[in-house]
């Protein structure tokens, strides 16, 4: 082997420029095939995706020697790997890793059921030769400064100490922007009741997308949610962008579909979806994208995973104590309806969607929460409520719901604020909220 190591060829393993494998049959007849994925296993081994290459597979079993050509997408340099076939695997962590990446990429172009991985073929690399780019003066793509480990650790510790969902989500997005330089990112939290992920915060987009949803079967985000593993694509020009699979906005009236437009770059080149988990349970997804190719390297992936992990533990921690120790709400105060124009609240039972003065606000569990708050307010003039009583009331109506009340209330508060609704949900203390209105409410139940 030359002075080059496989770890020096990181830009070659992102699949931006297809790799090539050259093999020969037992009688010396050559064969060349393109490869969709080549993965570095360690400093002396690579794994190749085997999908359709019957001739290549036959050749390497008759003659295990092969030449693999990798291309650095940043410099144009080519690397010739003299390799020897070791084994083929069709299960285990390595196989699952390649299969996941292949599935995520092919799902973007509607071919997830076609481009299935048959096996991962492992080769031992004996020698690496470079063929420099023929373009004189080619320079690597400029990269930002390396990630500061002390800054990353400090951000993780800050997340761990937060006790409010709003601060956890905002601090997570702030750390992604400051430490990794990501200008476009989202935090989506899982709604297990409806098998989707809901946007809870975003940075860098023209519109926030709060309340927009991604099904657990859609694109990179859905793949990361289903598998619990990070998924990234560093050249979106080869796949269909995520936004094509997500519904368009239709917030203008009750008669239109109850959706919020998903925020997305028009021409992303790199995307990464990182699971937010706690105690082995998926809570949500941290998603980032960029207009640049090769925007997310191995260090970026590791940093995002660390931040997502800290955020997951913090989000889990704010729910558990609240479920067990919220003090009961004090005797509810009587109150008079606010002066001002009548505010119309419409609730649709089939999806718990809420419209305020004909403007769509939210649906799902957050919608059910607002409905309950408004019912109690209209019945007794109450304005203050405890998370504990809301949790109990919601469980009675929706027995299969899983408890993440804090984040549902956060979504509700943010959507009301974003739509400049004439009513607000204010957090007045830990486990306590208040309803404020600009006028008397009229509630209509619709089917």
Protein backbone atom coordinates (compact mmCIF):
# COMPACT_ATOMS: atom_id res chain seq x y z
CA UNK A 1 0.00 0.00 0.00
CA UNK A 2 1.16 3.56 -0.67
CA UNK A 3 1.24 6.37 1.87
CA UNK A 4 -2.51 6.80 1.43
CA UNK A 5 -4.85 5.26 3.95
CA UNK A 6 -8.51 4.53 3.42
CA UNK A 7 -9.36 7.12 6.09
CA UNK A 8 -7.68 9.73 3.87
CA UNK A 9 -10.26 9.03 1.17
CA UNK A 10 -13.34 10.13 3.11
CA UNK A 11 -14.67 12.26 0.23
CA UNK A 12 -14.62 9.20 -2.03
CA UNK A 13 -17.06 7.22 0.11
CA UNK A 14 -19.98 9.68 -0.05
CA UNK A 15 -21.29 8.39 -3.37
CA UNK A 16 -21.21 11.80 -5.04
CA UNK A 17 -19.33 10.33 -8.02
CA UNK A 18 -20.05 6.65 -8.73
CA UNK A 19 -17.24 4.20 -8.09
CA UNK A 20 -16.17 1.46 -10.51
CA UNK A 21 -15.10 -2.14 -10.03
CA UNK A 22 -13.08 -4.02 -12.64
CA UNK A 23 -12.95 -7.81 -12.46
CA UNK A 24 -11.95 -10.67 -14.73
CA UNK A 25 -13.34 -14.14 -15.23
CA UNK A 26 -11.26 -17.30 -14.77
CA UNK A 27 -10.15 -17.09 -18.43
CA UNK A 28 -9.18 -13.42 -18.12
CA UNK A 29 -12.24 -11.82 -19.78
CA UNK A 30 -12.61 -8.35 -18.17
CA UNK A 31 -15.82 -6.82 -16.84
CA UNK A 32 -16.48 -3.31 -15.51
CA UNK A 33 -19.46 -2.24 -13.39
CA UNK A 34 -20.51 0.91 -11.58
CA UNK A 35 -21.13 0.74 -7.85
CA UNK A 36 -23.82 2.61 -5.97
CA UNK A 37 -22.12 2.41 -2.57
CA UNK A 38 -18.60 1.74 -1.32
CA UNK A 39 -18.12 1.84 2.46
CA UNK A 40 -14.87 1.97 4.42
CA UNK A 41 -14.90 -0.85 6.97
CA UNK A 42 -11.50 -0.11 8.50
CA UNK A 43 -8.04 0.91 7.27
CA UNK A 44 -7.60 -2.24 5.17
CA UNK A 45 -11.12 -3.25 4.11
CA UNK A 46 -13.98 -1.82 2.07
CA UNK A 47 -17.48 -3.14 1.50
CA UNK A 48 -19.32 -2.91 -1.82
CA UNK A 49 -23.08 -2.96 -2.33
CA UNK A 50 -24.17 -5.94 -4.44
CA UNK A 51 -27.53 -5.33 -6.10
CA UNK A 52 -27.63 -6.39 -9.72
CA UNK A 53 -24.08 -7.41 -10.61
CA UNK A 54 -24.36 -11.10 -11.46
CA UNK A 55 -21.33 -11.03 -13.75
CA UNK A 56 -19.17 -9.20 -11.20
CA UNK A 57 -20.25 -11.61 -8.47
CA UNK A 58 -19.41 -14.62 -10.64
CA UNK A 59 -16.01 -13.16 -11.54
CA UNK A 60 -14.83 -12.44 -8.01
CA UNK A 61 -15.73 -15.94 -6.91
CA UNK A 62 -13.74 -17.42 -9.78
CA UNK A 63 -10.95 -14.83 -9.59
CA UNK A 64 -10.96 -12.88 -6.29
CA UNK A 65 -8.68 -10.06 -7.50
CA UNK A 66 -10.31 -6.73 -8.43
CA UNK A 67 -9.50 -3.08 -9.03
CA UNK A 68 -11.80 -0.52 -7.49
CA UNK A 69 -11.76 3.07 -8.72
CA UNK A 70 -12.81 5.78 -6.29
CA UNK A 71 -13.13 9.47 -7.18
CA UNK A 72 -12.65 12.37 -4.77
CA UNK A 73 -15.66 14.60 -5.39
CA UNK A 74 -13.83 17.65 -4.07
CA UNK A 75 -10.58 17.44 -6.06
CA UNK A 76 -11.34 15.10 -8.95
CA UNK A 77 -8.42 12.84 -7.98
CA UNK A 78 -8.93 9.16 -8.70
CA UNK A 79 -7.70 6.33 -6.49
CA UNK A 80 -7.05 2.83 -7.75
CA UNK A 81 -7.49 0.19 -5.08
CA UNK A 82 -5.93 -3.20 -5.67
CA UNK A 83 -8.28 -5.45 -3.72
CA UNK A 84 -8.91 -9.09 -2.92
CA UNK A 85 -12.37 -10.51 -2.20
CA UNK A 86 -12.77 -11.75 1.39
CA UNK A 87 -16.42 -12.60 1.97
CA UNK A 88 -20.00 -11.69 1.24
CA UNK A 89 -22.45 -10.91 4.06
CA UNK A 90 -26.23 -10.60 3.92
CA UNK A 91 -26.94 -9.69 7.55
CA UNK A 92 -25.33 -7.99 10.51
CA UNK A 93 -24.43 -4.35 11.33
CA UNK A 94 -22.34 -3.70 8.20
CA UNK A 95 -25.02 -5.07 5.89
CA UNK A 96 -27.71 -3.08 7.68
CA UNK A 97 -25.66 0.12 7.42
CA UNK A 98 -25.25 -0.19 3.64
CA UNK A 99 -28.85 -1.32 3.16
CA UNK A 100 -30.10 1.69 5.12
CA UNK A 101 -28.09 4.15 3.04
CA UNK A 102 -29.23 2.51 -0.17
CA UNK A 103 -32.86 2.53 0.93
CA UNK A 104 -32.70 6.18 1.99
CA UNK A 105 -31.22 7.26 -1.33
CA UNK A 106 -33.48 5.13 -3.51
CA UNK A 107 -36.58 6.21 -1.60
CA UNK A 108 -35.94 9.73 -2.82
CA UNK A 109 -36.48 8.59 -6.41
CA UNK A 110 -39.29 6.14 -5.71
CA UNK A 111 -37.20 2.99 -6.12
CA UNK A 112 -36.91 1.69 -2.57
CA UNK A 113 -38.65 -1.56 -3.56
CA UNK A 114 -36.39 -2.04 -6.59
CA UNK A 115 -32.90 -1.17 -5.37
CA UNK A 116 -32.65 -3.69 -2.58
CA UNK A 117 -29.32 -4.84 -1.29
CA UNK A 118 -28.54 -8.48 -1.98
CA UNK A 119 -25.30 -8.58 -0.03
CA UNK A 120 -22.29 -6.57 1.05
CA UNK A 121 -19.07 -7.82 -0.54
CA UNK A 122 -16.00 -7.22 1.62
CA UNK A 123 -12.57 -6.70 0.02
CA UNK A 124 -9.11 -6.39 1.57
CA UNK A 125 -7.20 -3.49 0.03
CA UNK A 126 -3.56 -4.27 -0.68
CA UNK A 127 -2.51 -1.09 -2.46
CA UNK A 128 -3.78 2.43 -3.17
CA UNK A 129 -2.54 4.41 -6.17
CA UNK A 130 -3.51 7.97 -6.96
CA UNK A 131 -4.30 9.30 -10.42
CA UNK A 132 -4.20 13.09 -9.95
CA UNK A 133 -6.93 15.19 -11.46
CA UNK A 134 -6.08 16.28 -15.01
CA UNK A 135 -7.38 19.77 -14.25
CA UNK A 136 -4.34 21.86 -13.34
CA UNK A 137 -4.52 23.69 -10.06
CA UNK A 138 -7.52 21.81 -8.73
CA UNK A 139 -7.93 22.63 -5.05
CA UNK A 140 -10.08 20.98 -2.42
CA UNK A 141 -13.42 22.59 -1.71
CA UNK A 142 -12.96 25.09 1.15
CA UNK A 143 -14.13 23.68 4.47
CA UNK A 144 -15.09 25.51 7.60
CA UNK A 145 -12.93 25.37 10.70
CA UNK A 146 -12.90 22.09 12.63
CA UNK A 147 -15.55 21.60 15.29
CA UNK A 148 -14.48 22.94 18.66
CA UNK A 149 -14.76 20.09 21.15
CA UNK A 150 -14.92 22.37 24.22
CA UNK A 151 -17.75 24.35 22.60
CA UNK A 152 -19.55 21.13 21.67
CA UNK A 153 -19.25 19.74 25.19
CA UNK A 154 -20.45 23.04 26.69
CA UNK A 155 -23.50 23.03 24.42
CA UNK A 156 -24.29 19.45 25.44
CA UNK A 157 -24.08 20.30 29.13
CA UNK A 158 -26.30 23.34 28.63
CA UNK A 159 -28.94 21.20 26.93
CA UNK A 160 -28.81 18.66 29.72
CA UNK A 161 -29.63 21.34 32.31
CA UNK A 162 -32.64 22.81 30.52
CA UNK A 163 -36.05 22.17 32.06
CA UNK A 164 -38.35 23.67 29.41
CA UNK A 165 -39.16 22.11 26.04
CA UNK A 166 -38.99 25.48 24.30
CA UNK A 167 -35.46 26.18 25.52
CA UNK A 168 -34.28 22.66 24.70
CA UNK A 169 -35.44 22.89 21.09
CA UNK A 170 -34.20 26.46 20.59
CA UNK A 171 -30.82 25.72 22.21
CA UNK A 172 -30.41 22.60 20.08
CA UNK A 173 -31.00 24.55 16.88
CA UNK A 174 -28.74 27.33 18.14
CA UNK A 175 -25.91 24.87 18.78
CA UNK A 176 -26.33 23.34 15.32
CA UNK A 177 -26.00 26.79 13.79
CA UNK A 178 -23.14 28.04 15.95
CA UNK A 179 -20.98 24.94 16.20
CA UNK A 180 -21.52 23.32 12.81
CA UNK A 181 -22.38 26.41 10.79
CA UNK A 182 -25.65 24.85 9.57
CA UNK A 183 -27.91 27.61 8.32
CA UNK A 184 -30.98 25.41 7.73
CA UNK A 185 -32.18 22.93 10.34
CA UNK A 186 -35.35 21.55 11.91
CA UNK A 187 -36.42 19.71 15.02
CA UNK A 188 -39.36 17.35 14.55
CA UNK A 189 -40.95 15.42 17.39
CA UNK A 190 -42.75 12.13 17.00
CA UNK A 191 -46.52 11.88 17.22
CA UNK A 192 -46.90 8.14 17.81
CA UNK A 193 -50.68 8.49 17.92
CA UNK A 194 -50.70 9.55 14.25
CA UNK A 195 -47.45 7.84 13.07
CA UNK A 196 -45.81 11.05 11.95
CA UNK A 197 -43.22 13.62 12.95
CA UNK A 198 -44.24 17.23 13.62
CA UNK A 199 -42.02 20.27 13.12
CA UNK A 200 -41.45 22.00 16.48
CA UNK A 201 -38.73 24.48 15.57
CA UNK A 202 -36.63 25.61 12.62
CA UNK A 203 -33.88 28.01 11.58
CA UNK A 204 -32.96 29.55 8.27
CA UNK A 205 -36.21 29.14 6.31
CA UNK A 206 -38.53 31.80 4.93
CA UNK A 207 -41.34 30.25 6.94
CA UNK A 208 -41.05 28.30 10.16
CA UNK A 209 -43.14 25.29 9.13
CA UNK A 210 -44.37 24.88 12.71
CA UNK A 211 -46.88 22.06 12.78
CA UNK A 212 -45.87 20.65 9.39
CA UNK A 213 -45.78 16.87 9.35
CA UNK A 214 -43.70 14.10 7.81
CA UNK A 215 -45.05 10.57 7.74
CA UNK A 216 -42.81 7.90 9.20
CA UNK A 217 -42.62 6.42 5.69
CA UNK A 218 -41.30 9.56 3.95
CA UNK A 219 -37.73 10.18 2.78
CA UNK A 220 -34.65 10.56 4.93
CA UNK A 221 -36.60 11.76 7.94
CA UNK A 222 -38.97 8.79 7.86
CA UNK A 223 -36.11 6.35 7.31
CA UNK A 224 -34.18 7.73 10.28
CA UNK A 225 -37.33 7.54 12.41
CA UNK A 226 -38.13 3.94 11.45
CA UNK A 227 -34.59 2.63 11.88
CA UNK A 228 -33.36 4.81 14.73
CA UNK A 229 -30.16 5.43 12.76
CA UNK A 230 -28.62 8.56 11.25
CA UNK A 231 -29.13 8.87 7.51
CA UNK A 232 -27.32 11.33 5.26
CA UNK A 233 -26.98 12.06 1.56
CA UNK A 234 -24.22 14.39 0.44
CA UNK A 235 -25.25 14.77 -3.19
CA UNK A 236 -28.96 15.36 -3.60
CA UNK A 237 -28.55 15.90 -7.35
CA UNK A 238 -28.62 12.09 -7.63
CA UNK A 239 -31.86 11.67 -5.75
CA UNK A 240 -35.24 13.31 -5.52
CA UNK A 241 -35.34 15.97 -2.86
CA UNK A 242 -37.33 15.35 0.30
CA UNK A 243 -39.80 18.16 -0.23
CA UNK A 244 -41.38 16.46 -3.27
CA UNK A 245 -42.88 13.82 -0.98
CA UNK A 246 -44.46 16.23 1.48
CA UNK A 247 -47.80 18.00 1.22
CA UNK A 248 -48.12 21.60 0.13
CA UNK A 249 -49.56 24.30 2.36
CA UNK A 250 -53.30 24.69 2.60
CA UNK A 251 -54.01 26.79 5.65
CA UNK A 252 -56.50 29.25 4.27
CA UNK A 253 -59.93 27.77 5.10
CA UNK A 254 -61.77 24.96 6.84
CA UNK A 255 -62.63 23.33 3.52
CA UNK A 256 -59.03 22.81 2.46
CA UNK A 257 -56.67 20.09 3.63
CA UNK A 258 -55.37 20.66 7.15
CA UNK A 259 -51.66 20.83 6.43
CA UNK A 260 -48.77 23.22 6.92
CA UNK A 261 -46.07 23.53 4.27
CA UNK A 262 -42.87 21.73 5.19
CA UNK A 263 -39.92 24.16 5.16
CA UNK A 264 -37.34 23.08 2.61
CA UNK A 265 -34.54 24.47 0.50
CA UNK A 266 -35.35 24.72 -3.18
CA UNK A 267 -32.10 23.08 -4.26
CA UNK A 268 -30.50 21.18 -1.37
CA UNK A 269 -27.37 19.18 -2.12
CA UNK A 270 -26.77 17.66 1.32
CA UNK A 271 -29.23 16.40 3.93
CA UNK A 272 -28.85 14.58 7.21
CA UNK A 273 -31.48 13.19 9.60
CA UNK A 274 -30.42 12.30 13.15
CA UNK A 275 -32.72 10.45 15.59
CA UNK A 276 -33.47 12.12 18.93
CA UNK A 277 -33.85 9.26 21.39
CA UNK A 278 -34.05 8.61 25.12
CA UNK A 279 -33.96 5.22 26.85
CA UNK A 280 -34.19 3.46 23.52
CA UNK A 281 -37.35 5.32 22.47
CA UNK A 282 -37.55 7.64 19.48
CA UNK A 283 -38.66 11.14 20.46
CA UNK A 284 -37.99 12.94 17.21
CA UNK A 285 -35.54 13.87 14.46
CA UNK A 286 -32.90 16.56 14.10
CA UNK A 287 -32.73 17.41 10.40
CA UNK A 288 -30.26 19.67 8.60
CA UNK A 289 -29.64 20.48 4.96
CA UNK A 290 -27.32 22.57 2.83
CA UNK A 291 -26.98 23.90 -0.70
CA UNK A 292 -23.39 22.59 -0.73
CA UNK A 293 -22.29 19.11 -1.66
CA UNK A 294 -20.38 17.22 1.00
CA UNK A 295 -21.71 19.53 3.70
CA UNK A 296 -21.83 16.87 6.42
CA UNK A 297 -18.68 14.89 7.14
CA UNK A 298 -18.06 12.25 9.76
CA UNK A 299 -17.28 14.87 12.43
CA UNK A 300 -20.51 16.73 11.68
CA UNK A 301 -22.47 13.50 11.95
CA UNK A 302 -20.88 12.65 15.31
CA UNK A 303 -21.50 16.17 16.65
CA UNK A 304 -25.14 16.16 15.58
CA UNK A 305 -25.64 12.76 17.18
CA UNK A 306 -24.16 13.98 20.45
CA UNK A 307 -26.35 17.10 20.51
CA UNK A 308 -29.46 15.11 19.57
CA UNK A 309 -28.71 12.62 22.33
CA UNK A 310 -28.40 15.33 24.98
CA UNK A 311 -31.61 16.97 23.75
CA UNK A 312 -33.41 13.63 23.89
CA UNK A 313 -32.45 13.04 27.51
CA UNK A 314 -33.47 16.60 28.43
CA UNK A 315 -36.87 16.29 26.70
CA UNK A 316 -37.50 12.96 28.39
CA UNK A 317 -36.55 14.37 31.79
CA UNK A 318 -39.05 17.24 31.66
CA UNK A 319 -41.93 14.83 31.03
CA UNK A 320 -41.26 12.18 33.67
CA UNK A 321 -41.16 14.33 36.82
CA UNK A 322 -44.16 16.28 35.59
CA UNK A 323 -46.19 13.10 35.17
CA UNK A 324 -45.40 11.96 38.68
CA UNK A 325 -45.24 15.13 40.76
CA UNK A 326 -47.28 17.94 39.23
CA UNK A 327 -49.13 19.55 42.09
CA UNK A 328 -52.91 19.47 41.71
CA UNK A 329 -54.35 22.67 40.32
CA UNK A 330 -55.60 25.08 43.00
CA UNK A 331 -59.32 25.82 43.10
CA UNK A 332 -60.06 27.34 39.72
CA UNK A 333 -60.68 31.10 39.74
CA UNK A 334 -63.87 32.45 38.31
CA UNK A 335 -63.37 34.95 35.50
CA UNK A 336 -65.29 37.17 33.16
CA UNK A 337 -64.92 36.82 29.39
CA UNK A 338 -62.61 39.41 27.91
CA UNK A 339 -64.10 42.40 26.13
CA UNK A 340 -63.69 42.38 22.38
CA UNK A 341 -65.11 40.76 19.28
CA UNK A 342 -66.46 37.22 19.44
CA UNK A 343 -63.82 34.55 18.69
CA UNK A 344 -65.01 31.49 16.77
CA UNK A 345 -63.37 28.17 17.64
CA UNK A 346 -64.18 25.16 15.43
CA UNK A 347 -63.10 21.63 16.33
CA UNK A 348 -63.18 18.67 13.93
CA UNK A 349 -63.38 15.41 15.83
CA UNK A 350 -61.98 13.12 13.14
CA UNK A 351 -58.46 14.57 13.40
CA UNK A 352 -58.80 16.97 16.37
CA UNK A 353 -58.04 19.92 14.10
CA UNK A 354 -58.75 23.41 15.41
CA UNK A 355 -59.69 26.51 13.41
CA UNK A 356 -59.77 29.96 15.03
CA UNK A 357 -61.84 32.49 13.08
CA UNK A 358 -61.58 30.18 10.04
CA UNK A 359 -57.76 29.99 10.23
CA UNK A 360 -56.24 26.53 10.68
CA UNK A 361 -54.15 26.32 13.83
CA UNK A 362 -53.22 22.76 14.75
CA UNK A 363 -54.45 19.16 14.87
CA UNK A 364 -53.80 15.90 16.65
CA UNK A 365 -52.98 15.86 20.34
CA UNK A 366 -52.24 19.61 20.43
CA UNK A 367 -55.70 20.23 19.00
CA UNK A 368 -57.30 17.94 21.58
CA UNK A 369 -55.53 19.88 24.33
CA UNK A 370 -56.85 23.21 23.11
CA UNK A 371 -60.35 21.78 22.85
CA UNK A 372 -60.18 20.59 26.47
CA UNK A 373 -58.87 23.96 27.70
CA UNK A 374 -61.63 25.84 25.89
CA UNK A 375 -64.34 23.49 27.20
CA UNK A 376 -63.23 24.03 30.79
CA UNK A 377 -63.01 27.77 30.19
CA UNK A 378 -66.54 27.96 28.79
CA UNK A 379 -67.99 25.71 31.52
CA UNK A 380 -66.64 27.63 34.51
CA UNK A 381 -64.83 30.72 33.34
CA UNK A 382 -61.48 29.18 34.24
CA UNK A 383 -58.27 30.61 32.83
CA UNK A 384 -55.57 28.65 34.72
CA UNK A 385 -54.93 24.96 34.24
CA UNK A 386 -52.41 22.36 35.37
CA UNK A 387 -50.51 20.01 33.13
CA UNK A 388 -51.54 17.20 35.43
CA UNK A 389 -55.27 17.63 34.91
CA UNK A 390 -54.77 18.05 31.18
CA UNK A 391 -52.74 14.86 31.08
CA UNK A 392 -55.43 12.92 32.92
CA UNK A 393 -58.25 14.32 30.78
CA UNK A 394 -56.37 13.56 27.56
CA UNK A 395 -55.63 9.98 28.67
CA UNK A 396 -59.32 9.44 29.36
CA UNK A 397 -60.26 10.55 25.85
CA UNK A 398 -57.32 8.99 24.04
CA UNK A 399 -56.26 5.88 26.02
CA UNK A 400 -53.57 4.85 23.54
CA UNK A 401 -51.80 8.22 23.60
CA UNK A 402 -48.23 8.33 24.83
CA UNK A 403 -47.25 11.01 27.26
CA UNK A 404 -45.31 14.00 25.92
CA UNK A 405 -47.61 16.77 27.03
CA UNK A 406 -44.95 19.46 27.41
CA UNK A 407 -43.96 19.36 23.75
CA UNK A 408 -47.60 19.25 22.56
CA UNK A 409 -48.35 22.36 24.60
CA UNK A 410 -45.27 24.02 23.14
CA UNK A 411 -46.49 23.33 19.60
CA UNK A 412 -49.90 24.71 20.50
CA UNK A 413 -48.44 27.89 22.00
CA UNK A 414 -46.14 28.49 19.06
CA UNK A 415 -48.82 27.92 16.44
CA UNK A 416 -51.21 30.33 18.16
CA UNK A 417 -48.46 32.95 18.34
CA UNK A 418 -47.35 32.40 14.73
CA UNK A 419 -50.91 32.79 13.43
CA UNK A 420 -51.45 35.90 15.60
CA UNK A 421 -54.55 34.23 16.98
CA UNK A 422 -56.81 36.22 19.33
CA UNK A 423 -56.09 33.74 22.12
CA UNK A 424 -52.85 32.58 23.73
CA UNK A 425 -51.52 29.85 25.99
CA UNK A 426 -49.07 31.26 28.54
CA UNK A 427 -46.75 29.20 30.73
CA UNK A 428 -47.03 30.77 34.19
CA UNK A 429 -45.08 28.22 36.26
CA UNK A 430 -43.81 24.69 36.07
CA UNK A 431 -46.80 22.52 35.23
CA UNK A 432 -49.16 25.51 35.07
CA UNK A 433 -50.56 27.37 32.05
CA UNK A 434 -53.02 30.21 31.47
CA UNK A 435 -55.49 30.93 28.69
CA UNK A 436 -55.65 34.55 27.54
CA UNK A 437 -58.24 35.73 25.02
CA UNK A 438 -58.97 39.01 23.23
CA UNK A 439 -62.73 38.45 23.37
CA UNK A 440 -65.46 36.00 24.35
CA UNK A 441 -65.26 32.51 22.79
CA UNK A 442 -67.86 30.59 20.85
CA UNK A 443 -67.11 26.90 20.39
CA UNK A 444 -68.48 24.81 17.53
CA UNK A 445 -68.06 21.01 17.32
CA UNK A 446 -67.96 19.72 13.74
CA UNK A 447 -67.61 16.26 12.28
